[in-house]
Amino acid sequence: MNLYAVRAIYRFEMARAGRTLMQSIVSPVISTSLYFVVFGAAIGSRIPEVDGISYGAFIVPGLVMLSLLTQSIANASFGIYFPKFTGTIYELLSAPVSYFELVVSYVGAAATKSVILGLIILLTARLFVPLRIDHPFWMIVFLLLTSVTFSLLGFIIGIWADGFEKLQIIPLLIVTPLTFLGGSFYSIHILPPFWKTVALFNPVVYLISGFRWSFYGLADVHVGVSFGMTLVFLAVFIGIVAWIFKTGYRFKT
C-alpha cells in the first residue's frame, strides 16, 4: 500500500474540514441542540420516560445517529465528487495510487470527521440531559461501523452524481426520512403491530436500536441482529464500490 499517497489525500480532506468548520462541525451541533430543545423540552414534558429512561436521554442515540448518517454521506460524497467536478480526479487516477488506496483515503477521512462530530454531539448532549453509556466498547464499535458504512454510501453517491443537486437527493429524500421513521425519537414497540412489522423493513431501525442498546441496554431488536445487519450493509457497499472500480463506472467515461 502506498501509505504516502493515502496520508496525503487523508490530510487534505481533513484540512478541508478545518477550512469549512462552520459547515462541518458547528452547524450540525447547533441543529442537534435545537432538536434537544424542541423534542426534549416540548415533547419530553408530555413523555417523561421511555422504559425508565428520561425522554431527553432516550433520543440522544437517535440524534447522534441522524447526524452521523447525514454527515458521513455528505463528507464522502462531496470529497470524491469535487475532484470529478474540477477534473483533478484524472491526476489521481494517473498517479501510482490504487483504487483501494483512494477508497481508504476518502472514506477514512469522511468517517473520521463523522466520528469526531458524533463525539462532540455526545458531549453537547450532556449539557442538556443526564447521559450514561452502559457498553462503551460497543458504542464505539457501532459508531465506527456506521461511520465507515455510510461514508462508503456517500462515496458511491459522489461517483454516481453528475451534478451538485444529485448529491442531496438520496440523503434528503431517502436517508433522512428513514432515520426519522427508524425510531430516532420513539421506540417501535409503541407502534401498532402492522406498523411495527413495516418498521422492521427500515434498515435504519437496526442501526439506531444497536446504538441505543450500547447506551441503556434497551433495544427494539436483538443487538446481535443489529450488529449483523450493520455488517451486511457494510459488505453491500464494499461490493458496490468494488464493482464500480472493476467496471470503471463514471470514471472511464
C-alpha atoms as a PDB file:
ATOM      1  CA  MET A   1       0.000   0.000   0.000  1.00  0.00           C
ATOM      2  CA  ASN A   2       1.208   3.484  -0.893  1.00  0.00           C
ATOM      3  CA  LEU A   3       0.956   4.979   2.590  1.00  0.00           C
ATOM      4  CA  TYR A   4       2.350   8.313   1.452  1.00  0.00           C
ATOM      5  CA  ALA A   5      -0.481   8.764  -1.025  1.00  0.00           C
ATOM      6  CA  VAL A   6      -3.093   7.617   1.497  1.00  0.00           C
ATOM      7  CA  ARG A   7      -1.755  10.031   4.108  1.00  0.00           C
ATOM      8  CA  ALA A   8      -1.597  12.928   1.641  1.00  0.00           C
ATOM      9  CA  ILE A   9      -5.226  12.518   0.485  1.00  0.00           C
ATOM     10  CA  TYR A  10      -6.403  11.881   4.044  1.00  0.00           C
ATOM     11  CA  ARG A  11      -4.678  15.002   5.387  1.00  0.00           C
ATOM     12  CA  PHE A  12      -6.022  17.098   2.516  1.00  0.00           C
ATOM     13  CA  GLU A  13      -9.593  16.002   3.254  1.00  0.00           C
ATOM     14  CA  MET A  14      -9.167  16.585   6.983  1.00  0.00           C
ATOM     15  CA  ALA A  15      -7.735  20.037   6.282  1.00  0.00           C
ATOM     16  CA  ARG A  16     -10.807  20.835   4.193  1.00  0.00           C
ATOM     17  CA  ALA A  17     -12.943  20.122   7.250  1.00  0.00           C
ATOM     18  CA  GLY A  18     -10.902  22.705   9.145  1.00  0.00           C
ATOM     19  CA  ARG A  19     -11.497  25.274   6.406  1.00  0.00           C
ATOM     20  CA  THR A  20     -15.245  24.619   6.500  1.00  0.00           C
ATOM     21  CA  LEU A  21     -15.572  24.347  10.270  1.00  0.00           C
ATOM     22  CA  MET A  22     -18.942  26.106  10.406  1.00  0.00           C
ATOM     23  CA  GLN A  23     -20.483  23.714   7.902  1.00  0.00           C
ATOM     24  CA  SER A  24     -18.710  20.546   9.072  1.00  0.00           C
ATOM     25  CA  ILE A  25     -18.980  20.826  12.853  1.00  0.00           C
ATOM     26  CA  VAL A  26     -20.712  23.928  14.180  1.00  0.00           C
ATOM     27  CA  SER A  27     -23.870  23.738  12.060  1.00  0.00           C
ATOM     28  CA  PRO A  28     -24.677  20.053  12.834  1.00  0.00           C
ATOM     29  CA  VAL A  29     -24.051  20.632  16.565  1.00  0.00           C
ATOM     30  CA  ILE A  30     -26.375  23.649  16.609  1.00  0.00           C
ATOM     31  CA  SER A  31     -29.045  21.726  14.696  1.00  0.00           C
ATOM     32  CA  THR A  32     -28.812  18.816  17.131  1.00  0.00           C
ATOM     33  CA  SER A  33     -29.027  21.216  20.088  1.00  0.00           C
ATOM     34  CA  LEU A  34     -32.241  22.588  18.638  1.00  0.00           C
ATOM     35  CA  TYR A  35     -33.612  19.045  18.485  1.00  0.00           C
ATOM     36  CA  PHE A  36     -32.870  18.695  22.186  1.00  0.00           C
ATOM     37  CA  VAL A  37     -34.668  21.949  22.933  1.00  0.00           C
ATOM     38  CA  VAL A  38     -37.717  21.184  20.773  1.00  0.00           C
ATOM     39  CA  PHE A  39     -38.112  17.446  21.307  1.00  0.00           C
ATOM     40  CA  GLY A  40     -36.511  17.126  24.717  1.00  0.00           C
ATOM     41  CA  ALA A  41     -38.307  20.057  26.305  1.00  0.00           C
ATOM     42  CA  ALA A  42     -41.594  20.274  24.415  1.00  0.00           C
ATOM     43  CA  ILE A  43     -42.323  16.586  23.848  1.00  0.00           C
ATOM     44  CA  GLY A  44     -40.343  15.463  26.900  1.00  0.00           C
ATOM     45  CA  SER A  45     -42.735  17.380  29.127  1.00  0.00           C
ATOM     46  CA  ARG A  46     -45.548  15.143  27.833  1.00  0.00           C
ATOM     47  CA  ILE A  47     -43.496  11.919  27.666  1.00  0.00           C
ATOM     48  CA  PRO A  48     -41.427  11.948  30.862  1.00  0.00           C
ATOM     49  CA  GLU A  49     -39.903   8.465  30.434  1.00  0.00           C
ATOM     50  CA  VAL A  50     -39.483   5.662  27.909  1.00  0.00           C
ATOM     51  CA  ASP A  51     -38.723   2.283  29.501  1.00  0.00           C
ATOM     52  CA  GLY A  52     -37.418   4.030  32.612  1.00  0.00           C
ATOM     53  CA  ILE A  53     -35.187   6.448  30.670  1.00  0.00           C
ATOM     54  CA  SER A  54     -35.972  10.167  30.535  1.00  0.00           C
ATOM     55  CA  TYR A  55     -37.212  11.115  27.085  1.00  0.00           C
ATOM     56  CA  GLY A  56     -34.421  13.635  26.570  1.00  0.00           C
ATOM     57  CA  ALA A  57     -31.791  10.980  27.248  1.00  0.00           C
ATOM     58  CA  PHE A  58     -33.697   8.378  25.208  1.00  0.00           C
ATOM     59  CA  ILE A  59     -33.437  10.403  21.985  1.00  0.00           C
ATOM     60  CA  VAL A  60     -29.686  11.059  22.289  1.00  0.00           C
ATOM     61  CA  PRO A  61     -28.575   7.906  20.366  1.00  0.00           C
ATOM     62  CA  GLY A  62     -31.129   8.633  17.636  1.00  0.00           C
ATOM     63  CA  LEU A  63     -29.936  12.226  17.257  1.00  0.00           C
ATOM     64  CA  VAL A  64     -26.304  11.146  17.145  1.00  0.00           C
ATOM     65  CA  MET A  65     -27.174   8.536  14.523  1.00  0.00           C
ATOM     66  CA  LEU A  66     -29.121  11.108  12.479  1.00  0.00           C
ATOM     67  CA  SER A  67     -26.094  13.411  12.351  1.00  0.00           C
ATOM     68  CA  LEU A  68     -23.735  10.507  11.786  1.00  0.00           C
ATOM     69  CA  LEU A  69     -25.612   9.173   8.760  1.00  0.00           C
ATOM     70  CA  THR A  70     -26.152  12.524   7.062  1.00  0.00           C
ATOM     71  CA  GLN A  71     -22.657  13.862   7.696  1.00  0.00           C
ATOM     72  CA  SER A  72     -20.903  10.621   6.703  1.00  0.00           C
ATOM     73  CA  ILE A  73     -22.711  10.696   3.373  1.00  0.00           C
ATOM     74  CA  ALA A  74     -22.163  14.423   2.851  1.00  0.00           C
ATOM     75  CA  ASN A  75     -18.441  14.338   3.687  1.00  0.00           C
ATOM     76  CA  ALA A  76     -17.640  11.340   1.490  1.00  0.00           C
ATOM     77  CA  SER A  77     -19.857  12.301  -1.451  1.00  0.00           C
ATOM     78  CA  PHE A  78     -18.506  15.848  -1.710  1.00  0.00           C
ATOM     79  CA  GLY A  79     -14.954  14.651  -1.111  1.00  0.00           C
ATOM     80  CA  ILE A  80     -14.920  12.424  -4.209  1.00  0.00           C
ATOM     81  CA  TYR A  81     -17.311  14.492  -6.324  1.00  0.00           C
ATOM     82  CA  PHE A  82     -15.347  17.738  -6.144  1.00  0.00           C
ATOM     83  CA  PRO A  83     -12.221  16.262  -7.826  1.00  0.00           C
ATOM     84  CA  LYS A  84     -14.544  14.971 -10.563  1.00  0.00           C
ATOM     85  CA  PHE A  85     -16.095  18.416 -10.911  1.00  0.00           C
ATOM     86  CA  THR A  86     -12.731  20.208 -11.165  1.00  0.00           C
ATOM     87  CA  GLY A  87     -11.086  17.481 -13.269  1.00  0.00           C
ATOM     88  CA  THR A  88      -8.323  16.760 -10.755  1.00  0.00           C
ATOM     89  CA  ILE A  89      -9.639  13.199 -10.374  1.00  0.00           C
ATOM     90  CA  TYR A  90      -7.692  12.277 -13.533  1.00  0.00           C
ATOM     91  CA  GLU A  91      -4.459  13.298 -11.865  1.00  0.00           C
ATOM     92  CA  LEU A  92      -5.270  10.897  -9.043  1.00  0.00           C
ATOM     93  CA  LEU A  93      -6.206   8.107 -11.456  1.00  0.00           C
ATOM     94  CA  SER A  94      -2.950   8.544 -13.402  1.00  0.00           C
ATOM     95  CA  ALA A  95      -0.844   8.652 -10.228  1.00  0.00           C
ATOM     96  CA  PRO A  96       0.605   5.478  -8.653  1.00  0.00           C
ATOM     97  CA  VAL A  97      -2.407   5.216  -6.352  1.00  0.00           C
ATOM     98  CA  SER A  98      -4.620   2.134  -6.409  1.00  0.00           C
ATOM     99  CA  TYR A  99      -8.405   2.211  -6.214  1.00  0.00           C
ATOM    100  CA  PHE A 100      -8.199   0.616  -2.777  1.00  0.00           C
ATOM    101  CA  GLU A 101      -5.968   3.431  -1.555  1.00  0.00           C
ATOM    102  CA  LEU A 102      -8.370   6.038  -2.946  1.00  0.00           C
ATOM    103  CA  VAL A 103     -11.270   4.453  -1.062  1.00  0.00           C
ATOM    104  CA  VAL A 104      -9.280   4.142   2.163  1.00  0.00           C
ATOM    105  CA  SER A 105      -8.229   7.803   1.949  1.00  0.00           C
ATOM    106  CA  TYR A 106     -11.568   9.405   1.152  1.00  0.00           C
ATOM    107  CA  VAL A 107     -13.763   7.078   3.195  1.00  0.00           C
ATOM    108  CA  GLY A 108     -11.320   7.119   6.097  1.00  0.00           C
ATOM    109  CA  ALA A 109     -11.304  10.917   6.213  1.00  0.00           C
ATOM    110  CA  ALA A 110     -15.107  11.134   5.957  1.00  0.00           C
ATOM    111  CA  ALA A 111     -15.561   8.524   8.687  1.00  0.00           C
ATOM    112  CA  THR A 112     -13.049  10.284  10.946  1.00  0.00           C
ATOM    113  CA  LYS A 113     -14.909  13.586  10.627  1.00  0.00           C
ATOM    114  CA  SER A 114     -18.215  11.854  11.355  1.00  0.00           C
ATOM    115  CA  VAL A 115     -16.850  10.117  14.465  1.00  0.00           C
ATOM    116  CA  ILE A 116     -15.440  13.409  15.760  1.00  0.00           C
ATOM    117  CA  LEU A 117     -18.806  15.066  15.157  1.00  0.00           C
ATOM    118  CA  GLY A 118     -20.644  12.219  16.908  1.00  0.00           C
ATOM    119  CA  LEU A 119     -18.417  12.531  19.971  1.00  0.00           C
ATOM    120  CA  ILE A 120     -18.894  16.307  20.059  1.00  0.00           C
ATOM    121  CA  ILE A 121     -22.666  15.843  19.914  1.00  0.00           C
ATOM    122  CA  LEU A 122     -22.456  13.353  22.785  1.00  0.00           C
ATOM    123  CA  LEU A 123     -20.539  15.913  24.858  1.00  0.00           C
ATOM    124  CA  THR A 124     -23.119  18.556  23.915  1.00  0.00           C
ATOM    125  CA  ALA A 125     -25.941  16.214  24.952  1.00  0.00           C
ATOM    126  CA  ARG A 126     -24.514  16.031  28.464  1.00  0.00           C
ATOM    127  CA  LEU A 127     -25.287  19.739  28.812  1.00  0.00           C
ATOM    128  CA  PHE A 128     -28.988  19.025  28.285  1.00  0.00           C
ATOM    129  CA  VAL A 129     -29.711  15.590  29.737  1.00  0.00           C
ATOM    130  CA  PRO A 130     -28.178  13.054  32.155  1.00  0.00           C
ATOM    131  CA  LEU A 131     -26.370  10.569  29.960  1.00  0.00           C
ATOM    132  CA  ARG A 132     -24.929   7.152  30.638  1.00  0.00           C
ATOM    133  CA  ILE A 133     -23.206   4.582  28.444  1.00  0.00           C
ATOM    134  CA  ASP A 134     -23.579   1.011  29.699  1.00  0.00           C
ATOM    135  CA  HIS A 135     -21.466  -0.566  26.945  1.00  0.00           C
ATOM    136  CA  PRO A 136     -18.798   1.968  25.845  1.00  0.00           C
ATOM    137  CA  PHE A 137     -16.888  -0.590  23.759  1.00  0.00           C
ATOM    138  CA  TRP A 138     -19.941  -1.470  21.692  1.00  0.00           C
ATOM    139  CA  MET A 139     -20.885   2.193  21.436  1.00  0.00           C
ATOM    140  CA  ILE A 140     -17.521   2.867  19.770  1.00  0.00           C
ATOM    141  CA  VAL A 141     -17.916  -0.223  17.556  1.00  0.00           C
ATOM    142  CA  PHE A 142     -21.343   0.859  16.295  1.00  0.00           C
ATOM    143  CA  LEU A 143     -20.089   4.424  15.888  1.00  0.00           C
ATOM    144  CA  LEU A 144     -17.136   3.332  13.756  1.00  0.00           C
ATOM    145  CA  LEU A 145     -19.033   0.756  11.701  1.00  0.00           C
ATOM    146  CA  THR A 146     -21.877   3.153  10.949  1.00  0.00           C
ATOM    147  CA  SER A 147     -19.480   5.958  10.005  1.00  0.00           C
ATOM    148  CA  VAL A 148     -17.484   3.750   7.636  1.00  0.00           C
ATOM    149  CA  THR A 149     -20.608   2.132   6.150  1.00  0.00           C
ATOM    150  CA  PHE A 150     -22.343   5.386   5.302  1.00  0.00           C
ATOM    151  CA  SER A 151     -19.121   7.044   4.214  1.00  0.00           C
ATOM    152  CA  LEU A 152     -18.933   4.245   1.647  1.00  0.00           C
ATOM    153  CA  LEU A 153     -22.505   5.059   0.629  1.00  0.00           C
ATOM    154  CA  GLY A 154     -21.515   8.716   0.303  1.00  0.00           C
ATOM    155  CA  PHE A 155     -18.513   7.700  -1.815  1.00  0.00           C
ATOM    156  CA  ILE A 156     -20.865   5.765  -4.107  1.00  0.00           C
ATOM    157  CA  ILE A 157     -23.227   8.745  -4.357  1.00  0.00           C
ATOM    158  CA  GLY A 158     -20.318  11.068  -5.142  1.00  0.00           C
ATOM    159  CA  ILE A 159     -19.237   8.839  -8.026  1.00  0.00           C
ATOM    160  CA  TRP A 160     -22.800   8.409  -9.297  1.00  0.00           C
ATOM    161  CA  ALA A 161     -23.746  12.102  -9.132  1.00  0.00           C
ATOM    162  CA  ASP A 162     -23.184  14.244 -12.202  1.00  0.00           C
ATOM    163  CA  GLY A 163     -24.339  17.471 -10.538  1.00  0.00           C
ATOM    164  CA  PHE A 164     -24.395  19.074  -7.108  1.00  0.00           C
ATOM    165  CA  GLU A 165     -28.164  18.572  -6.933  1.00  0.00           C
ATOM    166  CA  LYS A 166     -27.811  14.791  -7.102  1.00  0.00           C
ATOM    167  CA  LEU A 167     -25.522  14.813  -4.073  1.00  0.00           C
ATOM    168  CA  GLN A 168     -28.544  15.803  -1.973  1.00  0.00           C
ATOM    169  CA  ILE A 169     -31.234  13.545  -3.453  1.00  0.00           C
ATOM    170  CA  ILE A 170     -30.546  10.323  -1.546  1.00  0.00           C
ATOM    171  CA  PRO A 171     -29.671  11.949   1.824  1.00  0.00           C
ATOM    172  CA  LEU A 172     -32.723  14.254   1.768  1.00  0.00           C
ATOM    173  CA  LEU A 173     -35.344  12.016   0.166  1.00  0.00           C
ATOM    174  CA  ILE A 174     -34.304   8.600   1.470  1.00  0.00           C
ATOM    175  CA  VAL A 175     -31.820   8.565   4.362  1.00  0.00           C
ATOM    176  CA  THR A 176     -33.283  11.391   6.479  1.00  0.00           C
ATOM    177  CA  PRO A 177     -36.915  10.131   6.280  1.00  0.00           C
ATOM    178  CA  LEU A 178     -35.772   6.583   7.072  1.00  0.00           C
ATOM    179  CA  THR A 179     -33.896   7.913  10.103  1.00  0.00           C
ATOM    180  CA  PHE A 180     -36.906   9.822  11.413  1.00  0.00           C
ATOM    181  CA  LEU A 181     -39.087   6.737  10.873  1.00  0.00           C
ATOM    182  CA  GLY A 182     -36.445   4.392  12.282  1.00  0.00           C
ATOM    183  CA  GLY A 183     -37.067   5.024  15.963  1.00  0.00           C
ATOM    184  CA  SER A 184     -34.877   8.090  16.477  1.00  0.00           C
ATOM    185  CA  PHE A 185     -37.483   9.734  18.695  1.00  0.00           C
ATOM    186  CA  TYR A 186     -39.544   6.748  19.799  1.00  0.00           C
ATOM    187  CA  SER A 187     -39.449   3.002  20.321  1.00  0.00           C
ATOM    188  CA  ILE A 188     -41.060   0.962  17.556  1.00  0.00           C
ATOM    189  CA  HIS A 189     -42.633  -1.156  20.316  1.00  0.00           C
ATOM    190  CA  ILE A 190     -45.232   1.589  20.805  1.00  0.00           C
ATOM    191  CA  LEU A 191     -46.412   1.197  17.209  1.00  0.00           C
ATOM    192  CA  PRO A 192     -49.437  -0.903  16.264  1.00  0.00           C
ATOM    193  CA  PRO A 193     -48.487  -4.456  15.201  1.00  0.00           C
ATOM    194  CA  PHE A 194     -48.844  -3.755  11.468  1.00  0.00           C
ATOM    195  CA  TRP A 195     -46.662  -0.630  11.517  1.00  0.00           C
ATOM    196  CA  LYS A 196     -44.147  -2.311  13.797  1.00  0.00           C
ATOM    197  CA  THR A 197     -43.743  -5.030  11.167  1.00  0.00           C
ATOM    198  CA  VAL A 198     -43.375  -2.378   8.461  1.00  0.00           C
ATOM    199  CA  ALA A 199     -40.743  -0.580  10.554  1.00  0.00           C
ATOM    200  CA  LEU A 200     -38.616  -3.735  10.653  1.00  0.00           C
ATOM    201  CA  PHE A 201     -38.076  -3.344   6.892  1.00  0.00           C
ATOM    202  CA  ASN A 202     -36.409   0.009   7.594  1.00  0.00           C
ATOM    203  CA  PRO A 203     -32.642  -0.669   7.718  1.00  0.00           C
ATOM    204  CA  VAL A 204     -32.004   2.353   9.950  1.00  0.00           C
ATOM    205  CA  VAL A 205     -34.058   0.734  12.739  1.00  0.00           C
ATOM    206  CA  TYR A 206     -31.278  -1.817  13.259  1.00  0.00           C
ATOM    207  CA  LEU A 207     -28.561   0.840  13.391  1.00  0.00           C
ATOM    208  CA  ILE A 208     -30.391   3.005  15.925  1.00  0.00           C
ATOM    209  CA  SER A 209     -31.517   0.036  18.006  1.00  0.00           C
ATOM    210  CA  GLY A 210     -27.996  -1.339  18.361  1.00  0.00           C
ATOM    211  CA  PHE A 211     -26.563   2.074  19.118  1.00  0.00           C
ATOM    212  CA  ARG A 212     -29.226   2.790  21.767  1.00  0.00           C
ATOM    213  CA  TRP A 213     -28.578  -0.606  23.343  1.00  0.00           C
ATOM    214  CA  SER A 214     -24.942   0.381  23.878  1.00  0.00           C
ATOM    215  CA  PHE A 215     -26.174   3.329  25.965  1.00  0.00           C
ATOM    216  CA  TYR A 216     -29.034   1.975  28.048  1.00  0.00           C
ATOM    217  CA  GLY A 217     -29.288  -1.753  27.363  1.00  0.00           C
ATOM    218  CA  LEU A 218     -32.606  -1.113  25.556  1.00  0.00           C
ATOM    219  CA  ALA A 219     -33.192  -2.339  22.026  1.00  0.00           C
ATOM    220  CA  ASP A 220     -36.092  -2.581  19.594  1.00  0.00           C
ATOM    221  CA  VAL A 221     -34.430  -5.634  18.009  1.00  0.00           C
ATOM    222  CA  HIS A 222     -31.832  -8.019  19.410  1.00  0.00           C
ATOM    223  CA  VAL A 223     -28.385  -6.424  19.478  1.00  0.00           C
ATOM    224  CA  GLY A 224     -26.934  -9.418  17.631  1.00  0.00           C
ATOM    225  CA  VAL A 225     -29.337  -8.796  14.766  1.00  0.00           C
ATOM    226  CA  SER A 226     -28.438  -5.097  14.751  1.00  0.00           C
ATOM    227  CA  PHE A 227     -24.729  -5.883  14.619  1.00  0.00           C
ATOM    228  CA  GLY A 228     -25.242  -8.469  11.877  1.00  0.00           C
ATOM    229  CA  MET A 229     -27.330  -6.094   9.770  1.00  0.00           C
ATOM    230  CA  THR A 230     -24.691  -3.380  10.148  1.00  0.00           C
ATOM    231  CA  LEU A 231     -22.079  -5.793   8.781  1.00  0.00           C
ATOM    232  CA  VAL A 232     -24.428  -6.720   5.926  1.00  0.00           C
ATOM    233  CA  PHE A 233     -24.825  -3.048   4.931  1.00  0.00           C
ATOM    234  CA  LEU A 234     -21.049  -2.618   5.104  1.00  0.00           C
ATOM    235  CA  ALA A 235     -20.485  -5.672   2.889  1.00  0.00           C
ATOM    236  CA  VAL A 236     -23.082  -4.500   0.353  1.00  0.00           C
ATOM    237  CA  PHE A 237     -21.492  -1.063  -0.019  1.00  0.00           C
ATOM    238  CA  ILE A 238     -17.995  -2.555  -0.266  1.00  0.00           C
ATOM    239  CA  GLY A 239     -19.307  -4.811  -3.020  1.00  0.00           C
ATOM    240  CA  ILE A 240     -20.803  -1.866  -4.906  1.00  0.00           C
ATOM    241  CA  VAL A 241     -17.557   0.121  -4.653  1.00  0.00           C
ATOM    242  CA  ALA A 242     -15.592  -2.906  -5.904  1.00  0.00           C
ATOM    243  CA  TRP A 243     -17.992  -3.221  -8.859  1.00  0.00           C
ATOM    244  CA  ILE A 244     -17.616   0.497  -9.672  1.00  0.00           C
ATOM    245  CA  PHE A 245     -13.849   0.262  -9.906  1.00  0.00           C
ATOM    246  CA  LYS A 246     -13.961  -3.060 -11.742  1.00  0.00           C
ATOM    247  CA  THR A 247     -16.255  -1.687 -14.444  1.00  0.00           C
ATOM    248  CA  GLY A 248     -14.940   1.892 -14.421  1.00  0.00           C
ATOM    249  CA  TYR A 249     -18.447   3.248 -13.889  1.00  0.00           C
ATOM    250  CA  ARG A 250     -18.407   7.065 -14.087  1.00  0.00           C
ATOM    251  CA  PHE A 251     -14.621   7.014 -14.244  1.00  0.00           C
ATOM    252  CA  LYS A 252     -13.735   5.696 -17.685  1.00  0.00           C
ATOM    253  CA  THR A 253     -16.452   7.819 -19.225  1.00  0.00           C
END
